[in-house]
């Protein structure tokens, strides 16, 4: 019995110390739990509660730990930094152009494209996807599609090494399918919210298979540029071009250019006027050297 007072005194000392070490988890419904984090998955938090033992709690129910959001710099610094960097650097757009006519003329045209760009440290990623379909008076659809991915490594402040690959097809130019892989050195001359300009030059390997079962592969020198500028505080002018010249035959070249304007309708939603122009001085058999297209559509940017 003489040990009882000592046990009481020892408990009085240890219990407050233990409570000082416990964390406080706040739930979105306003409840709070004292305890410590045991583990965490992509969707749940395993929490050792002082009163209820080990609990598995969905992350969507967790408001904060010790007053900090779950993915804050103090609770999970690596995740918070990655999420913040991705969110701040992510840019993209989706454009849609369509036309339909019936009666004396049966016509249906669709042009859908999307582009996404994001940065992670010294790396810049970009991905593009485009699909076009055109039909007139019941004829078979003429389709074009394109998928591309590029990775830029900024080895100096404004200089980058670009590597990329594309795959696609173009019925209008009698190309059953094509792919390309390339590498280039580029310079981001400037990039602000108001304007940006970049240019790059390198080499691209191109392989094309035509509708007549013939094919062509070649190494080309490439030069391209990308420019945008905000006019009158709201209208965006944009231009891009790419020149390809065969290394083995300088007379075999191709130039593609886009020029357009985006006018705001509401937040993040724009009307897009775009002129697409392409010149191939050695086109596939039965096709013309020059193609051009003027479109007016809707563009969503973020």
Foldseek 3Di string as FASTA:
>chain_A
DVCVVVVVVVCVVVPVVVQVPWKWWAWPVGDIFTFDWDDDDPFWTWTQGPPPGTDIGGLNGTQDINPHGCLDCVNPVVSVVVVVQFVVFKKKKKWWFWDADDDPKGKIKIKIKMKIWGDDVQKIKIKIKIKIWIDIPPDDIWIKIKIKIKMWGPPDDFKTKMWMKMKMAGVQLQWRIKMKIWIWIKGFPDDDPFKTKMKIKTKMWMKTAGNVRDIDIFIWIKIKMWMWGDDPNFKIWIKIKMKTAGPVHRQFIKIKMKTWMWGDPDVQKTKIWMKIKMATSDTDPPHHRIDIDITITMMGID
